[in-house]
Amino acid sequence: MKIQELRSLSREELIAKEKTLKEELFKLNLERYEGRLQRPHLFRQVKKDIARIETILHEKKNNKQKSSITS
């Protein structure tokens, strides 16, 4: 997912997206340990998307705190 697409989402949408990605990562791990993993490249992709979402959530939290301090 592109960073601009993620930035346009609300906080609740980002949290929901993060939850689904973590569930997908869990399923990928199950497939890997069962020996039937078809698409190993998805590990890197899903982990990066989760990291992007966590970064954006952190940025939004910091921006909210900064705006409340200056107000």
Protein backbone atom coordinates (compact mmCIF):
# COMPACT_ATOMS: atom_id res chain seq x y z
CA MET A 1 0.00 0.00 0.00
CA LYS A 2 1.28 3.46 -0.85
CA ILE A 3 2.12 5.92 1.92
CA GLN A 4 -0.17 8.61 0.47
CA GLU A 5 -3.12 6.23 0.56
CA LEU A 6 -2.40 5.44 4.19
CA ARG A 7 -2.02 9.10 5.19
CA SER A 8 -5.48 9.85 3.83
CA LEU A 9 -7.10 7.26 6.14
CA SER A 10 -8.47 8.15 9.57
CA ARG A 11 -6.94 6.84 12.78
CA GLU A 12 -9.68 4.21 13.20
CA GLU A 13 -9.25 3.01 9.62
CA LEU A 14 -5.50 2.72 10.12
CA ILE A 15 -5.97 0.67 13.28
CA ALA A 16 -8.41 -1.64 11.50
CA LYS A 17 -6.02 -2.01 8.55
CA GLU A 18 -3.16 -2.80 10.93
CA LYS A 19 -5.26 -5.48 12.62
CA THR A 20 -6.08 -7.19 9.32
CA LEU A 21 -2.43 -7.07 8.24
CA LYS A 22 -1.32 -8.65 11.52
CA GLU A 23 -3.90 -11.40 11.02
CA GLU A 24 -2.58 -11.95 7.51
CA LEU A 25 0.98 -12.16 8.84
CA PHE A 26 -0.18 -14.73 11.39
CA LYS A 27 -1.76 -16.82 8.63
CA LEU A 28 1.42 -16.58 6.56
CA ASN A 29 3.44 -17.85 9.52
CA LEU A 30 1.06 -20.77 9.92
CA GLU A 31 1.48 -21.64 6.26
CA ARG A 32 5.25 -21.42 6.56
CA TYR A 33 5.41 -23.78 9.51
CA GLU A 34 3.00 -26.19 7.86
CA GLY A 35 5.26 -26.25 4.82
CA ARG A 36 2.71 -25.04 2.32
CA LEU A 37 3.74 -21.41 1.81
CA GLN A 38 3.15 -20.36 -1.80
CA ARG A 39 4.11 -16.67 -1.68
CA PRO A 40 7.07 -15.98 0.63
CA HIS A 41 7.48 -12.45 -0.74
CA LEU A 42 4.35 -11.43 1.16
CA PHE A 43 6.20 -11.53 4.50
CA ARG A 44 8.31 -8.53 3.60
CA GLN A 45 5.40 -6.67 2.03
CA VAL A 46 3.04 -7.17 4.97
CA LYS A 47 5.69 -6.29 7.55
CA LYS A 48 6.53 -3.07 5.70
CA ASP A 49 2.86 -2.11 5.49
CA ILE A 50 2.46 -2.67 9.23
CA ALA A 51 5.52 -0.52 9.91
CA ARG A 52 4.18 2.23 7.64
CA ILE A 53 0.86 2.25 9.48
CA GLU A 54 2.56 2.33 12.89
CA THR A 55 4.73 5.24 11.74
CA ILE A 56 1.74 7.22 10.49
CA LEU A 57 -0.18 6.55 13.71
CA HIS A 58 2.82 7.76 15.70
CA GLU A 59 3.10 10.90 13.53
CA LYS A 60 -0.61 11.66 13.97
CA LYS A 61 -0.29 11.20 17.72
CA ASN A 62 2.69 13.56 17.88
CA ASN A 63 1.00 16.18 15.70
CA LYS A 64 -2.07 16.09 17.93
CA GLN A 65 0.07 16.54 21.05
CA LYS A 66 2.02 19.41 19.49
CA SER A 67 -1.14 21.22 18.44
CA SER A 68 -2.64 20.87 21.94
CA ILE A 69 0.55 22.24 23.51
CA THR A 70 0.69 25.30 21.27
CA SER A 71 -3.02 26.06 21.69
